[in-house]
C-alpha atoms as a PDB file:
ATOM      1  CA  MET A   1      -4.062 -12.875  14.937  1.00  0.00           C
ATOM      2  CA  ALA A   2      -3.990 -10.603  11.919  1.00  0.00           C
ATOM      3  CA  LYS A   3      -0.940 -10.413   9.707  1.00  0.00           C
ATOM      4  CA  PRO A   4       1.152  -7.265  10.339  1.00  0.00           C
ATOM      5  CA  TYR A   5       1.458  -4.652   7.631  1.00  0.00           C
ATOM      6  CA  SER A   6       4.650  -4.651   5.590  1.00  0.00           C
ATOM      7  CA  TYR A   7       7.583  -2.460   6.482  1.00  0.00           C
ATOM      8  CA  ASP A   8       7.267  -0.816   3.065  1.00  0.00           C
ATOM      9  CA  LEU A   9       3.687   0.229   3.788  1.00  0.00           C
ATOM     10  CA  HIS A  10       4.757   1.477   7.200  1.00  0.00           C
ATOM     11  CA  CYS A  11       7.419   3.690   5.602  1.00  0.00           C
ATOM     12  CA  LYS A  12       4.991   5.099   3.048  1.00  0.00           C
ATOM     13  CA  VAL A  13       2.352   5.922   5.648  1.00  0.00           C
ATOM     14  CA  MET A  14       4.839   7.521   8.035  1.00  0.00           C
ATOM     15  CA  ALA A  15       6.409   9.575   5.220  1.00  0.00           C
ATOM     16  CA  ALA A  16       2.990  10.807   4.134  1.00  0.00           C
ATOM     17  CA  ILE A  17       2.176  11.901   7.677  1.00  0.00           C
ATOM     18  CA  GLU A  18       5.515  13.239   8.871  1.00  0.00           C
ATOM     19  CA  GLN A  19       7.092  14.631   5.702  1.00  0.00           C
ATOM     20  CA  ASP A  20       4.107  15.526   3.528  1.00  0.00           C
ATOM     21  CA  GLY A  21       1.904  16.761   6.359  1.00  0.00           C
ATOM     22  CA  MET A  22      -0.980  14.426   5.568  1.00  0.00           C
ATOM     23  CA  LYS A  23      -3.511  13.962   8.342  1.00  0.00           C
ATOM     24  CA  ARG A  24      -3.835  10.486   9.799  1.00  0.00           C
ATOM     25  CA  CYS A  25      -7.462  10.167   8.719  1.00  0.00           C
ATOM     26  CA  GLU A  26      -6.450  11.088   5.148  1.00  0.00           C
ATOM     27  CA  ALA A  27      -3.596   8.579   5.193  1.00  0.00           C
ATOM     28  CA  SER A  28      -5.906   5.822   6.382  1.00  0.00           C
ATOM     29  CA  THR A  29      -8.172   6.480   3.398  1.00  0.00           C
ATOM     30  CA  VAL A  30      -5.350   6.757   0.871  1.00  0.00           C
ATOM     31  CA  PHE A  31      -3.575   3.602   2.050  1.00  0.00           C
ATOM     32  CA  GLN A  32      -6.809   1.720   2.851  1.00  0.00           C
ATOM     33  CA  ILE A  33      -5.916   0.880   6.428  1.00  0.00           C
ATOM     34  CA  SER A  34      -7.740   1.507   9.670  1.00  0.00           C
ATOM     35  CA  ARG A  35      -7.362   4.921  11.271  1.00  0.00           C
ATOM     36  CA  ASN A  36      -6.590   3.143  14.546  1.00  0.00           C
ATOM     37  CA  THR A  37      -3.651   1.379  12.920  1.00  0.00           C
ATOM     38  CA  ILE A  38      -1.821   4.680  12.577  1.00  0.00           C
ATOM     39  CA  ASN A  39      -3.124   6.208  15.770  1.00  0.00           C
ATOM     40  CA  TYR A  40       0.193   5.781  17.532  1.00  0.00           C
ATOM     41  CA  PRO A  41       3.178   6.082  15.154  1.00  0.00           C
ATOM     42  CA  ALA A  42       5.579   5.577  18.056  1.00  0.00           C
ATOM     43  CA  THR A  43       4.163   2.082  18.482  1.00  0.00           C
ATOM     44  CA  TRP A  44       4.935   1.320  14.837  1.00  0.00           C
ATOM     45  CA  ALA A  45       8.478   2.577  15.277  1.00  0.00           C
ATOM     46  CA  ARG A  46       9.061   0.204  18.191  1.00  0.00           C
ATOM     47  CA  THR A  47       7.455  -2.875  16.646  1.00  0.00           C
ATOM     48  CA  SER A  48       8.110  -2.818  12.884  1.00  0.00           C
ATOM     49  CA  HIS A  49      11.052  -4.439  11.110  1.00  0.00           C
END
């Protein structure tokens, strides 16, 4: 199984999307993660710590 992304990265990605208005596809490029990884932010909120 792949290693989960850090909580710090999670916070940066979510801030870029929710506060800065960045689109998810833009955030995936900027942070070099898969678009599918940030497809469901609610999932991240439930599983990250």
